[in-house]
Amino acid sequence: MKKYPRIVFMGSPDFAVYSLEKLLEQKYPVVSVVTIPDKRAGRGQKIFEPAVKKYALIHKLTILQPERVRDASFLETLRNLQPDVIIVVAFRMLPKVVWSMPKLGTFNLHASLLPNYRGAAPIQWAIMNGEKETGVTTFLLDEHIDSGAILLQKKTLIDPEETFGSLYQRLAEMGADLVLKTLQGITEKSLQPQSQIIKENLKTAPKLFHQDGKIHWQAPVEDICNKIRGLNPYPGAWTQLTNESGKKMLFKIYRATYSYKLHSQPVGTIILKNKEMKIAIIGGYISIIEGQLEGRRRMQADELINGLQRKNSIVLDDEILDQSITEIFQ
């Protein structure tokens, strides 16, 4: 009778749920799920549970939510579980005392083709940088972030219209399959870990902050559209609108297309005409398909136009384009 390894699974967001679900489908013994503590957020300070915890509760799995993974009580509990392998998907950096504990090792699933795009936001940065290809990687943990020996990789093309949201789901599904193959290979001792080969111009994927989402309208058109795709559905690429009274309003753009056309309009000019919202850029236009005005819900272009046409002298991103003039055509 085949003996399955005892697994401790560590993860938090819905990206990790895909892998946990695959493990349970294949009847692997997940002896515990480790995830981040619940958090309070929003005006009402409502408690939010991580997606992995919600899934684990449905399947009656043992759940651990340590505040610190170095705490003696957590380490003792982990040792008592006697895991043969620890699988990590979208969790936090682990100390050696944790990842060195299981006899078959600890491996991580990462949503890029390592060594490129190490870091917290590999999917967003790959799209924003205009990559044509990405993938998923499983690797053994070591003392550094995303730097351990590679076990398996799988590649996929990035569609020119693909957003962070759609690629996120595809890579989560691909990653879940790779986790199963990696687990099988580790159990059978058929995998040969390969050290990551570091080349020049290594691309990284640091955590995204609000300022990373700002659209620079004098950038090449492909860069603008890649940023919009790479930050859809969250955190959203953004710019600012300023009304005649000088009040600034955040404007997020989620979907857009572009066209090349010579024109004499200042870069950043907003054109509202025939239910179409366009922004003049160097050598062409960005056409807004879906966006969100500050304090409002996401809207299609025609709804956005209705809202903007009630305002006067709206200027786009006055920090860059001091002389931009909004043209509103009835």
Protein backbone atom coordinates (compact mmCIF):
# COMPACT_ATOMS: atom_id res chain seq x y z
CA MET A 1 0.00 0.00 0.00
CA LYS A 2 1.36 3.42 -1.01
CA LYS A 3 2.36 5.60 1.94
CA TYR A 4 1.60 9.30 1.56
CA PRO A 5 3.77 11.90 3.31
CA ARG A 6 2.33 13.90 6.20
CA ILE A 7 1.87 17.46 4.93
CA VAL A 8 1.72 20.81 6.65
CA PHE A 9 0.35 23.39 4.22
CA MET A 10 1.16 27.09 4.66
CA GLY A 11 -0.66 29.81 2.73
CA SER A 12 -3.14 32.65 3.01
CA PRO A 13 -4.82 34.12 -0.14
CA ASP A 14 -7.10 32.40 -2.63
CA PHE A 15 -4.05 31.75 -4.85
CA ALA A 16 -3.00 29.15 -2.27
CA VAL A 17 -6.48 27.59 -2.06
CA TYR A 18 -6.07 26.07 -5.53
CA SER A 19 -3.06 24.03 -4.37
CA LEU A 20 -4.67 22.98 -1.10
CA GLU A 21 -7.75 21.83 -3.00
CA LYS A 22 -5.61 19.69 -5.34
CA LEU A 23 -3.91 18.02 -2.39
CA LEU A 24 -7.23 17.10 -0.81
CA GLU A 25 -8.62 15.85 -4.13
CA GLN A 26 -5.70 13.42 -4.31
CA LYS A 27 -6.33 12.29 -0.71
CA TYR A 28 -3.00 13.54 0.63
CA PRO A 29 -2.98 13.75 4.44
CA VAL A 30 -2.82 17.47 5.26
CA VAL A 31 -2.23 17.25 8.99
CA SER A 32 -2.47 21.01 9.49
CA VAL A 33 -2.97 24.29 7.66
CA VAL A 34 -0.93 27.30 8.79
CA THR A 35 -2.15 30.74 7.81
CA ILE A 36 -1.99 34.36 8.94
CA PRO A 37 -4.14 35.62 11.85
CA ASP A 38 -7.56 37.11 11.19
CA LYS A 39 -7.55 40.87 10.71
CA ARG A 40 -9.96 43.69 11.40
CA ALA A 41 -10.51 46.16 8.57
CA GLY A 42 -12.95 48.71 7.23
CA ARG A 43 -15.10 51.28 8.97
CA GLY A 44 -16.87 48.71 11.08
CA GLN A 45 -13.63 46.89 11.93
CA LYS A 46 -15.14 43.69 10.60
CA ILE A 47 -13.05 40.55 11.08
CA PHE A 48 -11.66 39.14 7.83
CA GLU A 49 -10.44 35.56 7.65
CA PRO A 50 -7.79 34.51 5.10
CA ALA A 51 -9.12 32.52 2.15
CA VAL A 52 -7.10 29.44 3.10
CA LYS A 53 -8.67 29.40 6.57
CA LYS A 54 -12.19 29.61 5.13
CA TYR A 55 -11.47 26.66 2.85
CA ALA A 56 -9.81 24.67 5.65
CA LEU A 57 -12.82 25.20 7.92
CA ILE A 58 -15.16 23.77 5.30
CA HIS A 59 -13.00 20.65 5.09
CA LYS A 60 -12.52 20.39 8.86
CA LEU A 61 -8.73 20.70 8.73
CA THR A 62 -6.60 21.61 11.73
CA ILE A 63 -5.77 25.32 11.51
CA LEU A 64 -2.87 27.21 13.08
CA GLN A 65 -2.65 31.01 12.97
CA PRO A 66 0.56 32.03 14.76
CA GLU A 67 1.31 35.71 15.30
CA ARG A 68 5.00 34.84 14.95
CA VAL A 69 6.35 31.67 13.34
CA ARG A 70 9.37 31.77 15.68
CA ASP A 71 7.25 31.46 18.83
CA ALA A 72 8.27 28.48 20.94
CA SER A 73 4.68 27.28 21.34
CA PHE A 74 4.12 27.24 17.57
CA LEU A 75 7.42 25.45 16.92
CA GLU A 76 6.54 22.81 19.50
CA THR A 77 3.12 22.27 17.92
CA LEU A 78 4.73 21.97 14.49
CA ARG A 79 7.23 19.38 15.71
CA ASN A 80 4.47 17.35 17.33
CA LEU A 81 2.67 17.20 13.97
CA GLN A 82 5.73 15.35 12.59
CA PRO A 83 5.40 16.67 9.02
CA ASP A 84 7.30 14.83 6.29
CA VAL A 85 7.05 17.88 4.05
CA ILE A 86 5.94 21.51 4.35
CA ILE A 87 4.34 23.12 1.30
CA VAL A 88 4.31 26.92 1.15
CA VAL A 89 2.11 28.92 -1.23
CA ALA A 90 1.85 32.71 -0.80
CA PHE A 91 2.75 32.84 2.87
CA ARG A 92 5.52 34.67 4.74
CA MET A 93 9.27 34.22 4.99
CA LEU A 94 10.11 31.27 7.24
CA PRO A 95 13.12 30.86 9.55
CA LYS A 96 15.46 27.90 9.15
CA VAL A 97 14.11 26.28 12.30
CA VAL A 98 10.82 25.84 10.44
CA TRP A 99 11.83 24.99 6.88
CA SER A 100 14.53 22.56 7.98
CA MET A 101 12.15 20.59 10.20
CA PRO A 102 10.53 18.05 7.80
CA LYS A 103 12.67 15.15 6.58
CA LEU A 104 11.61 15.58 2.93
CA GLY A 105 12.13 19.34 3.06
CA THR A 106 10.05 22.46 2.57
CA PHE A 107 9.18 23.75 -0.87
CA ASN A 108 7.49 26.90 -2.11
CA LEU A 109 5.36 27.70 -5.15
CA HIS A 110 6.20 31.04 -6.79
CA ALA A 111 4.30 32.72 -9.63
CA SER A 112 7.24 33.47 -11.92
CA LEU A 113 10.08 31.79 -13.76
CA LEU A 114 12.75 32.17 -11.12
CA PRO A 115 15.26 33.68 -10.70
CA ASN A 116 13.39 36.52 -12.42
CA TYR A 117 10.65 38.28 -10.49
CA ARG A 118 11.60 37.32 -7.00
CA GLY A 119 9.41 39.17 -4.55
CA ALA A 120 5.85 39.86 -3.44
CA ALA A 121 4.19 40.90 -6.73
CA PRO A 122 5.58 38.77 -9.60
CA ILE A 123 2.40 38.61 -11.67
CA GLN A 124 1.75 42.36 -11.66
CA TRP A 125 5.35 43.28 -12.46
CA ALA A 126 5.60 40.76 -15.31
CA ILE A 127 2.58 42.33 -17.03
CA MET A 128 3.62 45.91 -16.26
CA ASN A 129 7.07 45.21 -17.75
CA GLY A 130 5.50 43.89 -20.95
CA GLU A 131 6.70 40.30 -20.61
CA LYS A 132 5.50 37.87 -23.26
CA GLU A 133 6.08 34.79 -21.10
CA THR A 134 5.89 33.83 -17.45
CA GLY A 135 5.16 30.71 -15.44
CA VAL A 136 5.33 29.01 -12.06
CA THR A 137 8.26 27.57 -10.11
CA THR A 138 8.62 25.23 -7.16
CA PHE A 139 11.83 25.52 -5.16
CA LEU A 140 13.36 24.51 -1.85
CA LEU A 141 13.42 27.18 0.83
CA ASP A 142 16.68 28.62 2.12
CA GLU A 143 17.76 31.66 4.15
CA HIS A 144 16.86 34.19 1.46
CA ILE A 145 13.68 35.24 -0.35
CA ASP A 146 12.82 33.14 -3.44
CA SER A 147 16.45 32.07 -3.89
CA GLY A 148 16.41 28.34 -3.17
CA ALA A 149 17.21 25.49 -5.55
CA ILE A 150 14.62 25.01 -8.29
CA LEU A 151 12.64 21.78 -8.37
CA LEU A 152 10.20 22.24 -11.29
CA GLN A 153 9.03 25.01 -13.62
CA LYS A 154 6.20 25.40 -16.10
CA LYS A 155 5.95 28.20 -18.68
CA THR A 156 2.98 29.97 -20.25
CA LEU A 157 2.51 32.82 -22.71
CA ILE A 158 0.99 36.10 -21.57
CA ASP A 159 -1.84 37.20 -23.83
CA PRO A 160 -1.56 40.84 -25.02
CA GLU A 161 -4.97 41.58 -23.49
CA GLU A 162 -4.42 39.64 -20.27
CA THR A 163 -4.88 41.37 -16.93
CA PHE A 164 -3.44 40.63 -13.52
CA GLY A 165 -6.76 39.07 -12.53
CA SER A 166 -6.93 36.59 -15.40
CA LEU A 167 -3.24 35.64 -15.25
CA TYR A 168 -3.46 35.27 -11.46
CA GLN A 169 -6.15 32.61 -11.84
CA ARG A 170 -4.32 30.77 -14.64
CA LEU A 171 -1.08 30.64 -12.67
CA ALA A 172 -2.89 29.52 -9.53
CA GLU A 173 -4.33 26.56 -11.46
CA MET A 174 -0.99 25.79 -13.14
CA GLY A 175 0.76 26.10 -9.81
CA ALA A 176 -1.56 23.64 -8.14
CA ASP A 177 -0.69 21.00 -10.75
CA LEU A 178 3.02 21.76 -10.31
CA VAL A 179 2.72 21.37 -6.53
CA LEU A 180 1.34 17.84 -7.02
CA LYS A 181 4.14 16.90 -9.45
CA THR A 182 6.73 18.35 -7.09
CA LEU A 183 5.32 16.48 -4.11
CA GLN A 184 5.37 13.24 -6.07
CA GLY A 185 8.95 13.86 -7.17
CA ILE A 186 10.12 14.66 -3.66
CA THR A 187 8.40 11.59 -2.25
CA GLU A 188 9.92 9.35 -4.91
CA LYS A 189 13.29 11.13 -4.67
CA SER A 190 13.25 11.60 -8.44
CA LEU A 191 13.91 15.35 -8.52
CA GLN A 192 17.35 16.92 -8.76
CA PRO A 193 17.27 20.46 -7.33
CA GLN A 194 19.06 22.98 -9.54
CA SER A 195 20.70 26.10 -8.15
CA GLN A 196 19.31 29.33 -9.56
CA ILE A 197 21.59 30.86 -12.19
CA ILE A 198 21.83 34.60 -11.64
CA LYS A 199 22.34 36.66 -14.78
CA GLU A 200 22.76 40.36 -15.39
CA ASN A 201 19.66 42.56 -15.44
CA LEU A 202 17.76 40.33 -13.03
CA LYS A 203 14.13 41.48 -12.85
CA THR A 204 12.56 41.78 -9.43
CA ALA A 205 8.98 42.00 -8.12
CA PRO A 206 8.95 44.12 -4.96
CA LYS A 207 5.81 44.83 -2.98
CA LEU A 208 3.58 47.36 -4.70
CA PHE A 209 2.83 50.70 -3.11
CA HIS A 210 0.29 53.36 -4.05
CA GLN A 211 2.81 55.45 -5.98
CA ASP A 212 3.68 52.46 -8.21
CA GLY A 213 0.20 52.68 -9.71
CA LYS A 214 0.54 56.28 -10.93
CA ILE A 215 0.24 56.63 -14.71
CA HIS A 216 2.88 58.81 -16.36
CA TRP A 217 1.17 60.11 -19.48
CA GLN A 218 4.35 60.99 -21.31
CA ALA A 219 5.53 57.37 -21.13
CA PRO A 220 5.35 55.11 -24.23
CA VAL A 221 1.81 53.95 -24.97
CA GLU A 222 2.66 50.29 -24.39
CA ASP A 223 3.98 51.10 -20.92
CA ILE A 224 0.78 52.93 -20.02
CA CYS A 225 -1.47 50.08 -21.17
CA ASN A 226 0.75 47.46 -19.53
CA LYS A 227 0.46 49.28 -16.21
CA ILE A 228 -3.33 49.41 -16.53
CA ARG A 229 -3.50 45.67 -17.33
CA GLY A 230 -1.01 44.73 -14.66
CA LEU A 231 -2.94 46.46 -11.88
CA ASN A 232 -6.44 45.30 -12.86
CA PRO A 233 -8.44 44.47 -10.73
CA TYR A 234 -6.25 45.70 -7.88
CA PRO A 235 -4.73 47.89 -6.70
CA GLY A 236 -5.61 49.81 -9.91
CA ALA A 237 -3.58 52.17 -12.09
CA TRP A 238 -4.44 55.78 -11.29
CA THR A 239 -4.12 59.41 -12.24
CA GLN A 240 -5.59 62.62 -10.87
CA LEU A 241 -8.28 64.95 -12.11
CA THR A 242 -8.35 68.55 -10.87
CA ASN A 243 -11.50 70.67 -11.13
CA GLU A 244 -11.76 74.44 -11.53
CA SER A 245 -11.70 74.98 -7.79
CA GLY A 246 -8.37 73.15 -7.51
CA LYS A 247 -9.76 70.05 -5.83
CA LYS A 248 -7.95 66.85 -6.83
CA MET A 249 -9.84 63.63 -7.46
CA LEU A 250 -8.33 60.17 -7.79
CA PHE A 251 -9.24 58.44 -11.06
CA LYS A 252 -8.47 54.72 -11.46
CA ILE A 253 -8.36 53.15 -14.90
CA TYR A 254 -9.01 49.42 -15.22
CA ARG A 255 -9.41 48.80 -18.93
CA ALA A 256 -8.22 50.78 -21.93
CA THR A 257 -7.13 50.44 -25.56
CA TYR A 258 -4.78 52.59 -27.58
CA SER A 259 -4.42 53.84 -31.12
CA TYR A 260 -1.61 55.56 -32.97
CA LYS A 261 -2.55 58.86 -34.62
CA LEU A 262 -0.77 62.13 -35.19
CA HIS A 263 -2.40 65.05 -33.39
CA SER A 264 -1.58 68.50 -32.07
CA GLN A 265 -3.29 68.21 -28.69
CA PRO A 266 -1.21 68.55 -25.50
CA VAL A 267 -0.30 65.24 -23.90
CA GLY A 268 -2.92 64.52 -21.25
CA THR A 269 -5.82 66.30 -22.92
CA ILE A 270 -9.12 64.56 -22.11
CA ILE A 271 -11.54 64.27 -25.03
CA LEU A 272 -15.15 63.29 -24.40
CA LYS A 273 -17.06 62.73 -27.62
CA ASN A 274 -19.71 60.32 -28.94
CA LYS A 275 -19.72 58.32 -25.69
CA GLU A 276 -15.97 57.84 -25.98
CA MET A 277 -13.39 59.02 -23.48
CA LYS A 278 -9.88 59.47 -24.87
CA ILE A 279 -6.65 60.84 -23.45
CA ALA A 280 -4.06 62.31 -25.77
CA ILE A 281 -0.59 60.78 -25.49
CA ILE A 282 2.54 61.04 -27.58
CA GLY A 283 1.64 59.85 -31.08
CA GLY A 284 -1.88 58.69 -30.32
CA TYR A 285 -4.68 58.18 -27.82
CA ILE A 286 -5.61 56.00 -24.86
CA SER A 287 -9.34 55.13 -24.96
CA ILE A 288 -10.83 54.45 -21.53
CA ILE A 289 -13.16 51.45 -21.38
CA GLU A 290 -13.64 51.15 -17.63
CA GLY A 291 -12.62 53.36 -14.72
CA GLN A 292 -13.52 54.58 -11.28
CA LEU A 293 -13.85 58.14 -10.00
CA GLU A 294 -12.93 58.71 -6.37
CA GLY A 295 -15.81 57.81 -4.09
CA ARG A 296 -17.73 56.09 -6.88
CA ARG A 297 -18.06 52.53 -8.16
CA ARG A 298 -16.33 51.16 -11.26
CA MET A 299 -18.07 52.39 -14.39
CA GLN A 300 -18.01 51.94 -18.15
CA ALA A 301 -16.87 54.83 -20.36
CA ASP A 302 -20.35 56.19 -21.10
CA GLU A 303 -21.16 56.45 -17.37
CA LEU A 304 -17.84 58.13 -16.69
CA ILE A 305 -18.54 60.66 -19.42
CA ASN A 306 -21.92 61.53 -17.92
CA GLY A 307 -20.22 62.25 -14.60
CA LEU A 308 -17.41 64.30 -16.05
CA GLN A 309 -19.60 66.39 -18.33
CA ARG A 310 -21.36 67.79 -15.25
CA LYS A 311 -18.05 69.31 -14.19
CA ASN A 312 -16.15 72.17 -15.74
CA SER A 313 -12.46 72.70 -16.51
CA ILE A 314 -11.32 69.24 -15.39
CA VAL A 315 -7.56 68.89 -15.85
CA LEU A 316 -5.71 65.59 -15.98
CA ASP A 317 -2.77 65.12 -13.61
CA ASP A 318 -1.78 68.76 -13.17
CA GLU A 319 1.46 67.77 -11.47
CA ILE A 320 2.83 66.87 -14.90
CA LEU A 321 0.60 68.70 -17.33
CA ASP A 322 0.12 72.21 -16.00
CA GLN A 323 -1.23 73.58 -19.28
CA SER A 324 -3.53 70.70 -20.26
CA ILE A 325 -7.01 71.74 -21.37
CA THR A 326 -10.00 69.41 -21.22
CA GLU A 327 -12.09 69.41 -24.36
CA ILE A 328 -15.71 68.42 -23.75
CA PHE A 329 -17.79 67.95 -26.90
CA GLN A 330 -21.57 67.66 -26.62
